[in-house]
N, C-alpha and C. Protein backbone atom coordinates (compact mmCIF):
# COMPACT_ATOMS: atom_id res chain seq x y z
N UNK A 1 0.84 -1.18 0.00
CA UNK A 1 0.00 0.00 0.00
C UNK A 1 0.89 1.24 0.00
N UNK A 2 0.59 2.17 -0.89
CA UNK A 2 1.35 3.41 -0.98
C UNK A 2 0.77 4.44 0.00
N UNK A 3 1.63 5.16 0.70
CA UNK A 3 1.12 6.18 1.63
C UNK A 3 0.56 7.38 0.86
N UNK A 4 -0.36 8.13 1.47
CA UNK A 4 -0.92 9.31 0.79
C UNK A 4 0.11 10.44 0.72
N UNK A 5 -0.05 11.28 -0.28
CA UNK A 5 0.76 12.48 -0.40
C UNK A 5 0.04 13.59 0.34
N UNK A 6 0.67 14.16 1.33
CA UNK A 6 0.02 15.15 2.19
C UNK A 6 0.82 16.44 2.25
N UNK A 7 0.24 17.44 2.87
CA UNK A 7 0.89 18.73 3.09
C UNK A 7 1.04 18.95 4.59
N UNK A 8 2.16 19.51 5.00
CA UNK A 8 2.41 19.80 6.41
C UNK A 8 1.79 21.14 6.82
N UNK A 9 1.70 21.36 8.12
CA UNK A 9 1.10 22.56 8.71
C UNK A 9 1.63 23.84 8.06
N UNK A 10 2.94 23.95 7.92
CA UNK A 10 3.55 25.17 7.39
C UNK A 10 3.27 25.40 5.91
N UNK A 11 2.75 24.40 5.22
CA UNK A 11 2.42 24.53 3.80
C UNK A 11 0.95 24.92 3.59
N UNK A 12 0.24 25.12 4.69
CA UNK A 12 -1.14 25.64 4.67
C UNK A 12 -1.05 27.07 5.19
N UNK A 13 -1.16 28.03 4.28
CA UNK A 13 -0.92 29.42 4.66
C UNK A 13 -2.18 30.27 4.47
N UNK A 14 -2.43 31.12 5.46
CA UNK A 14 -3.48 32.14 5.38
C UNK A 14 -2.76 33.47 5.27
N UNK A 15 -2.97 34.18 4.16
CA UNK A 15 -2.26 35.43 3.90
C UNK A 15 -3.24 36.59 3.77
N UNK A 16 -2.87 37.73 4.32
CA UNK A 16 -3.67 38.95 4.21
C UNK A 16 -3.02 39.88 3.19
N UNK A 17 -3.86 40.54 2.37
CA UNK A 17 -3.36 41.52 1.42
C UNK A 17 -3.15 42.86 2.11
N UNK A 18 -2.24 43.67 1.54
CA UNK A 18 -1.94 44.96 2.15
C UNK A 18 -2.72 46.11 1.53
N UNK A 19 -3.57 45.83 0.52
CA UNK A 19 -4.38 46.87 -0.09
C UNK A 19 -3.64 47.73 -1.09
N UNK A 20 -2.35 47.50 -1.30
CA UNK A 20 -1.55 48.30 -2.24
C UNK A 20 -1.82 47.82 -3.67
N UNK A 21 -1.30 48.56 -4.63
CA UNK A 21 -1.39 48.16 -6.03
C UNK A 21 0.02 48.14 -6.61
N UNK A 22 0.56 47.00 -6.94
CA UNK A 22 -0.04 45.67 -6.85
C UNK A 22 -0.08 45.19 -5.39
N UNK A 23 -1.08 44.36 -5.12
CA UNK A 23 -1.28 43.88 -3.75
C UNK A 23 -0.19 42.87 -3.36
N UNK A 24 0.29 43.02 -2.14
CA UNK A 24 1.28 42.10 -1.60
C UNK A 24 0.62 41.34 -0.46
N UNK A 25 0.77 40.01 -0.48
CA UNK A 25 0.18 39.16 0.54
C UNK A 25 1.26 38.66 1.49
N UNK A 26 0.92 38.59 2.77
CA UNK A 26 1.84 38.05 3.78
C UNK A 26 1.04 37.28 4.82
N UNK A 27 1.65 36.23 5.33
CA UNK A 27 1.02 35.41 6.36
C UNK A 27 1.34 35.99 7.73
N UNK A 28 0.32 36.48 8.46
CA UNK A 28 0.58 36.97 9.81
C UNK A 28 1.14 35.84 10.69
N UNK A 29 2.05 36.19 11.55
CA UNK A 29 2.68 35.23 12.44
C UNK A 29 1.77 34.91 13.62
N UNK A 30 1.81 33.66 14.09
CA UNK A 30 1.16 33.34 15.35
C UNK A 30 0.16 32.21 15.34
N UNK A 31 -0.40 31.86 14.17
CA UNK A 31 -1.39 30.79 14.16
C UNK A 31 -0.76 29.45 14.54
N UNK A 32 -1.44 28.72 15.40
CA UNK A 32 -1.04 27.35 15.72
C UNK A 32 -2.08 26.36 15.21
N UNK A 33 -3.21 26.87 14.75
CA UNK A 33 -4.20 26.07 14.04
C UNK A 33 -4.95 27.00 13.10
N UNK A 34 -5.41 26.45 11.98
CA UNK A 34 -6.12 27.25 10.99
C UNK A 34 -6.97 26.32 10.13
N UNK A 35 -8.06 26.88 9.58
CA UNK A 35 -8.93 26.06 8.74
C UNK A 35 -9.61 26.93 7.69
N UNK A 36 -9.96 26.29 6.59
CA UNK A 36 -10.75 26.88 5.53
C UNK A 36 -11.99 26.01 5.39
N UNK A 37 -13.18 26.58 5.56
CA UNK A 37 -14.43 25.85 5.42
C UNK A 37 -15.17 26.38 4.20
N UNK A 38 -15.54 25.48 3.30
CA UNK A 38 -16.30 25.82 2.10
C UNK A 38 -17.70 25.24 2.27
N UNK A 39 -18.73 26.07 2.06
CA UNK A 39 -20.10 25.64 2.33
C UNK A 39 -21.03 26.01 1.18
N UNK A 40 -22.08 25.20 1.05
CA UNK A 40 -23.16 25.48 0.11
C UNK A 40 -24.44 25.69 0.91
N UNK A 41 -25.19 26.72 0.57
CA UNK A 41 -26.54 26.89 1.10
C UNK A 41 -27.47 26.25 0.08
N UNK A 42 -28.28 25.31 0.54
CA UNK A 42 -29.13 24.54 -0.36
C UNK A 42 -30.60 24.85 -0.14
N UNK A 43 -31.39 24.72 -1.19
CA UNK A 43 -32.84 24.77 -1.06
C UNK A 43 -33.36 23.37 -1.34
N UNK A 44 -34.39 22.98 -0.61
CA UNK A 44 -34.97 21.64 -0.73
C UNK A 44 -36.30 21.71 -1.46
N UNK A 45 -36.58 20.69 -2.25
CA UNK A 45 -37.87 20.55 -2.91
C UNK A 45 -38.23 19.06 -2.91
N UNK A 46 -39.48 18.76 -2.62
CA UNK A 46 -39.93 17.37 -2.66
C UNK A 46 -40.16 16.96 -4.12
N UNK A 47 -39.63 15.79 -4.49
CA UNK A 47 -39.78 15.26 -5.85
C UNK A 47 -40.71 14.05 -5.79
N UNK A 48 -41.97 14.23 -6.17
CA UNK A 48 -42.93 13.13 -6.05
C UNK A 48 -42.66 12.03 -7.07
N UNK A 49 -43.14 10.85 -6.76
CA UNK A 49 -43.07 9.72 -7.68
C UNK A 49 -44.29 9.83 -8.60
N UNK A 50 -44.05 10.09 -9.88
CA UNK A 50 -45.15 10.30 -10.82
C UNK A 50 -45.96 9.02 -11.06
N UNK A 51 -45.32 7.85 -10.90
CA UNK A 51 -46.03 6.59 -11.11
C UNK A 51 -46.78 6.14 -9.87
N UNK A 52 -46.34 6.60 -8.70
CA UNK A 52 -47.00 6.21 -7.44
C UNK A 52 -47.11 7.43 -6.54
N UNK A 53 -48.16 8.23 -6.72
CA UNK A 53 -48.31 9.47 -5.95
C UNK A 53 -48.36 9.27 -4.44
N UNK A 54 -48.66 8.05 -3.97
CA UNK A 54 -48.71 7.79 -2.53
C UNK A 54 -47.36 7.40 -1.96
N UNK A 55 -46.37 7.17 -2.80
CA UNK A 55 -45.03 6.82 -2.33
C UNK A 55 -44.37 8.05 -1.71
N UNK A 56 -43.48 7.83 -0.75
CA UNK A 56 -42.77 8.99 -0.18
C UNK A 56 -41.97 9.71 -1.26
N UNK A 57 -41.99 11.01 -1.19
CA UNK A 57 -41.21 11.81 -2.13
C UNK A 57 -39.75 11.86 -1.68
N UNK A 58 -38.87 11.86 -2.65
CA UNK A 58 -37.46 12.08 -2.35
C UNK A 58 -37.21 13.58 -2.34
N UNK A 59 -36.23 14.02 -1.57
CA UNK A 59 -35.88 15.44 -1.50
C UNK A 59 -34.82 15.73 -2.55
N UNK A 60 -35.12 16.71 -3.40
CA UNK A 60 -34.13 17.23 -4.34
C UNK A 60 -33.52 18.48 -3.75
N UNK A 61 -32.26 18.71 -4.04
CA UNK A 61 -31.58 19.89 -3.49
C UNK A 61 -30.89 20.67 -4.60
N UNK A 62 -31.03 21.99 -4.52
CA UNK A 62 -30.38 22.88 -5.46
C UNK A 62 -29.49 23.85 -4.68
N UNK A 63 -28.39 24.23 -5.31
CA UNK A 63 -27.46 25.17 -4.68
C UNK A 63 -28.01 26.58 -4.81
N UNK A 64 -28.19 27.23 -3.67
CA UNK A 64 -28.67 28.61 -3.63
C UNK A 64 -27.49 29.59 -3.60
N UNK A 65 -26.47 29.25 -2.81
CA UNK A 65 -25.31 30.14 -2.70
C UNK A 65 -24.12 29.36 -2.16
N UNK A 66 -22.95 29.94 -2.36
CA UNK A 66 -21.70 29.38 -1.84
C UNK A 66 -21.10 30.37 -0.86
N UNK A 67 -20.40 29.86 0.13
CA UNK A 67 -19.74 30.72 1.11
C UNK A 67 -18.46 30.04 1.60
N UNK A 68 -17.58 30.83 2.15
CA UNK A 68 -16.34 30.30 2.70
C UNK A 68 -16.03 31.02 4.00
N UNK A 69 -15.37 30.32 4.89
CA UNK A 69 -14.90 30.95 6.13
C UNK A 69 -13.53 30.41 6.47
N UNK A 70 -12.79 31.24 7.15
CA UNK A 70 -11.45 30.88 7.63
C UNK A 70 -11.46 31.10 9.13
N UNK A 71 -10.93 30.14 9.85
CA UNK A 71 -10.70 30.33 11.28
C UNK A 71 -9.24 30.05 11.57
N UNK A 72 -8.75 30.73 12.56
CA UNK A 72 -7.38 30.51 12.99
C UNK A 72 -7.22 30.93 14.43
N UNK A 73 -6.34 30.23 15.11
CA UNK A 73 -6.05 30.62 16.49
C UNK A 73 -4.59 30.34 16.79
N UNK A 74 -4.11 31.02 17.79
CA UNK A 74 -2.73 30.88 18.19
C UNK A 74 -2.35 32.03 19.11
N UNK A 75 -1.09 32.38 19.09
CA UNK A 75 -0.63 33.49 19.93
C UNK A 75 -0.78 34.80 19.17
N UNK A 76 -0.95 35.88 19.92
CA UNK A 76 -0.98 37.21 19.30
C UNK A 76 0.46 37.69 19.22
N UNK A 77 1.02 37.59 18.03
CA UNK A 77 2.41 38.01 17.81
C UNK A 77 2.45 39.52 17.58
N UNK A 78 3.35 40.20 18.25
CA UNK A 78 3.49 41.65 18.08
C UNK A 78 3.75 42.00 16.62
N UNK A 79 4.46 41.12 15.90
CA UNK A 79 4.78 41.37 14.49
C UNK A 79 3.54 41.44 13.61
N UNK A 80 2.44 40.86 14.06
CA UNK A 80 1.22 40.79 13.25
C UNK A 80 0.03 41.54 13.85
N UNK A 81 0.19 42.08 15.04
CA UNK A 81 -0.93 42.70 15.74
C UNK A 81 -1.56 43.84 14.94
N UNK A 82 -0.75 44.73 14.37
CA UNK A 82 -1.30 45.84 13.58
C UNK A 82 -2.05 45.34 12.35
N UNK A 83 -1.53 44.31 11.67
CA UNK A 83 -2.20 43.77 10.49
C UNK A 83 -3.57 43.23 10.86
N UNK A 84 -3.66 42.48 11.96
CA UNK A 84 -4.95 41.93 12.39
C UNK A 84 -5.91 43.05 12.78
N UNK A 85 -5.44 44.01 13.55
CA UNK A 85 -6.34 45.08 14.00
C UNK A 85 -6.80 45.94 12.83
N UNK A 86 -5.90 46.26 11.89
CA UNK A 86 -6.29 47.05 10.72
C UNK A 86 -7.36 46.31 9.90
N UNK A 87 -7.17 45.00 9.71
CA UNK A 87 -8.13 44.21 8.93
C UNK A 87 -9.47 44.15 9.66
N UNK A 88 -9.44 43.98 10.98
CA UNK A 88 -10.70 43.91 11.74
C UNK A 88 -11.43 45.25 11.73
N UNK A 89 -10.70 46.33 11.91
CA UNK A 89 -11.32 47.65 12.02
C UNK A 89 -11.82 48.19 10.68
N UNK A 90 -11.38 47.59 9.58
CA UNK A 90 -11.81 48.04 8.26
C UNK A 90 -13.29 47.73 8.05
N UNK A 91 -14.03 48.69 7.52
CA UNK A 91 -15.43 48.44 7.16
C UNK A 91 -15.53 47.82 5.77
N UNK A 92 -14.43 47.79 5.05
CA UNK A 92 -14.37 47.13 3.75
C UNK A 92 -13.75 45.75 3.92
N UNK A 93 -14.16 44.81 3.08
CA UNK A 93 -13.55 43.49 3.13
C UNK A 93 -12.09 43.60 2.69
N UNK A 94 -11.28 42.68 3.17
CA UNK A 94 -9.85 42.69 2.86
C UNK A 94 -9.52 41.52 1.94
N UNK A 95 -8.48 41.67 1.16
CA UNK A 95 -8.03 40.59 0.28
C UNK A 95 -7.36 39.51 1.11
N UNK A 96 -7.73 38.27 0.82
CA UNK A 96 -7.19 37.12 1.54
C UNK A 96 -6.80 36.06 0.53
N UNK A 97 -5.73 35.37 0.84
CA UNK A 97 -5.28 34.27 0.01
C UNK A 97 -4.98 33.08 0.93
N UNK A 98 -5.44 31.91 0.53
CA UNK A 98 -5.13 30.67 1.25
C UNK A 98 -4.36 29.79 0.29
N UNK A 99 -3.21 29.30 0.72
CA UNK A 99 -2.40 28.41 -0.10
C UNK A 99 -2.24 27.07 0.61
N UNK A 100 -2.42 26.01 -0.15
CA UNK A 100 -2.14 24.66 0.35
C UNK A 100 -1.15 24.06 -0.62
N UNK A 101 0.09 23.91 -0.15
CA UNK A 101 1.18 23.47 -1.01
C UNK A 101 1.47 21.99 -0.79
N UNK A 102 1.08 21.20 -1.80
CA UNK A 102 1.43 19.78 -1.82
C UNK A 102 2.76 19.65 -2.56
N UNK A 103 3.42 18.49 -2.51
CA UNK A 103 4.70 18.37 -3.20
C UNK A 103 4.64 18.66 -4.70
N UNK A 104 3.54 18.33 -5.40
CA UNK A 104 3.50 18.51 -6.85
C UNK A 104 2.57 19.62 -7.32
N UNK A 105 1.69 20.11 -6.45
CA UNK A 105 0.72 21.12 -6.86
C UNK A 105 0.38 22.01 -5.66
N UNK A 106 0.09 23.28 -5.95
CA UNK A 106 -0.34 24.22 -4.92
C UNK A 106 -1.74 24.71 -5.28
N UNK A 107 -2.67 24.55 -4.34
CA UNK A 107 -4.00 25.12 -4.49
C UNK A 107 -3.99 26.50 -3.86
N UNK A 108 -4.58 27.47 -4.54
CA UNK A 108 -4.67 28.83 -4.02
C UNK A 108 -6.12 29.29 -4.11
N UNK A 109 -6.65 29.76 -2.99
CA UNK A 109 -7.98 30.37 -2.93
C UNK A 109 -7.77 31.86 -2.68
N UNK A 110 -8.37 32.70 -3.53
CA UNK A 110 -8.18 34.14 -3.42
C UNK A 110 -9.54 34.84 -3.46
N UNK A 111 -9.71 35.82 -2.60
CA UNK A 111 -10.94 36.59 -2.60
C UNK A 111 -10.95 37.63 -1.50
N UNK A 112 -12.11 38.21 -1.29
CA UNK A 112 -12.30 39.21 -0.25
C UNK A 112 -13.02 38.58 0.93
N UNK A 113 -12.63 39.02 2.13
CA UNK A 113 -13.26 38.50 3.34
C UNK A 113 -13.35 39.62 4.38
N UNK A 114 -14.34 39.46 5.25
CA UNK A 114 -14.46 40.32 6.42
C UNK A 114 -13.98 39.52 7.63
N UNK A 115 -13.27 40.16 8.51
CA UNK A 115 -12.98 39.53 9.80
C UNK A 115 -14.24 39.74 10.64
N UNK A 116 -14.98 38.66 10.81
CA UNK A 116 -16.27 38.76 11.51
C UNK A 116 -16.12 38.71 13.02
N UNK A 117 -15.06 38.07 13.49
CA UNK A 117 -14.80 38.10 14.94
C UNK A 117 -13.31 37.92 15.20
N UNK A 118 -12.88 38.52 16.25
CA UNK A 118 -11.48 38.43 16.69
C UNK A 118 -11.49 38.48 18.21
N UNK A 119 -10.97 37.44 18.83
CA UNK A 119 -10.97 37.36 20.28
C UNK A 119 -9.54 37.29 20.78
N UNK A 120 -9.17 38.26 21.59
CA UNK A 120 -7.87 38.25 22.27
C UNK A 120 -8.11 37.77 23.69
N UNK A 121 -7.29 36.85 24.14
CA UNK A 121 -7.50 36.28 25.48
C UNK A 121 -6.16 35.93 26.10
N UNK A 122 -6.18 35.75 27.41
CA UNK A 122 -4.99 35.32 28.14
C UNK A 122 -5.42 34.68 29.45
N UNK A 123 -4.64 33.72 29.88
CA UNK A 123 -4.83 33.11 31.19
C UNK A 123 -3.55 33.30 31.99
N UNK A 124 -3.73 33.36 33.30
CA UNK A 124 -2.57 33.54 34.17
C UNK A 124 -1.55 32.45 33.88
N UNK A 125 -0.31 32.86 33.75
CA UNK A 125 0.77 31.93 33.47
C UNK A 125 0.92 31.62 31.99
N UNK A 126 0.09 32.24 31.14
CA UNK A 126 0.12 31.95 29.71
C UNK A 126 0.42 33.18 28.90
N UNK A 127 0.21 33.07 27.62
CA UNK A 127 0.46 34.14 26.66
C UNK A 127 -0.87 34.67 26.12
N UNK A 128 -0.83 35.84 25.54
CA UNK A 128 -2.01 36.40 24.89
C UNK A 128 -2.25 35.61 23.61
N UNK A 129 -3.51 35.18 23.43
CA UNK A 129 -3.87 34.42 22.24
C UNK A 129 -4.78 35.25 21.35
N UNK A 130 -4.87 34.83 20.10
CA UNK A 130 -5.70 35.50 19.11
C UNK A 130 -6.52 34.43 18.39
N UNK A 131 -7.83 34.59 18.39
CA UNK A 131 -8.73 33.68 17.71
C UNK A 131 -9.51 34.50 16.68
N UNK A 132 -9.37 34.15 15.40
CA UNK A 132 -9.91 34.96 14.30
C UNK A 132 -10.90 34.12 13.48
N UNK A 133 -12.00 34.77 13.08
CA UNK A 133 -12.91 34.15 12.11
C UNK A 133 -13.16 35.15 11.00
N UNK A 134 -13.05 34.66 9.75
CA UNK A 134 -13.29 35.48 8.57
C UNK A 134 -14.41 34.86 7.74
N UNK A 135 -15.21 35.72 7.12
CA UNK A 135 -16.31 35.28 6.27
C UNK A 135 -16.13 35.88 4.87
N UNK A 136 -16.39 35.06 3.85
CA UNK A 136 -16.20 35.53 2.47
C UNK A 136 -17.16 36.67 2.13
N UNK A 137 -16.69 37.55 1.25
CA UNK A 137 -17.48 38.65 0.72
C UNK A 137 -17.39 38.53 -0.80
N UNK A 138 -18.26 37.70 -1.36
CA UNK A 138 -18.19 37.43 -2.79
C UNK A 138 -17.43 36.13 -3.05
N UNK A 139 -17.04 35.96 -4.30
CA UNK A 139 -16.45 34.70 -4.75
C UNK A 139 -15.03 34.50 -4.21
N UNK A 140 -14.75 33.28 -3.80
CA UNK A 140 -13.41 32.84 -3.46
C UNK A 140 -12.97 31.93 -4.61
N UNK A 141 -11.97 32.37 -5.35
CA UNK A 141 -11.56 31.67 -6.57
C UNK A 141 -10.42 30.71 -6.27
N UNK A 142 -10.58 29.45 -6.74
CA UNK A 142 -9.53 28.46 -6.56
C UNK A 142 -8.73 28.33 -7.85
N UNK A 143 -7.41 28.32 -7.71
CA UNK A 143 -6.52 28.06 -8.84
C UNK A 143 -5.50 27.03 -8.40
N UNK A 144 -4.89 26.38 -9.37
CA UNK A 144 -3.88 25.36 -9.08
C UNK A 144 -2.65 25.64 -9.94
N UNK A 145 -1.49 25.41 -9.36
CA UNK A 145 -0.23 25.56 -10.08
C UNK A 145 0.66 24.38 -9.73
N UNK A 146 1.30 23.81 -10.71
CA UNK A 146 2.23 22.73 -10.43
C UNK A 146 3.52 23.31 -9.88
N UNK A 147 4.13 22.55 -8.97
CA UNK A 147 5.36 23.03 -8.33
C UNK A 147 6.53 22.17 -8.71
């Protein structure tokens, strides 16, 4: 049995754009976990059996909309604190890029997102942590490039 080809933690990057032209993306320091969730909002419709109207109907589903969210948590690094606060305080969505680098191909998701929540916390004897959630604002485009 051949083992799967996988990507390590450091090859999964969440990058924020700086708003410049041309835009420069950088990964804020501090995340110890991160995720990209892709979701479909569906509408349901009952599909009756035309040959047997008394039979239970099966549910058909159609895609109403697509959405994406990013979550990340870790330490609040001083090197990234201004970037996070600027992105959170912005009333405009910010450019975001997610890269997943496998040995032979890199997937890149690019689009605009709002930081919908940001929680700074600390416990006695610990460090200040940062927990971030971002929600897509429009299309998140996936592209692939061979490496």
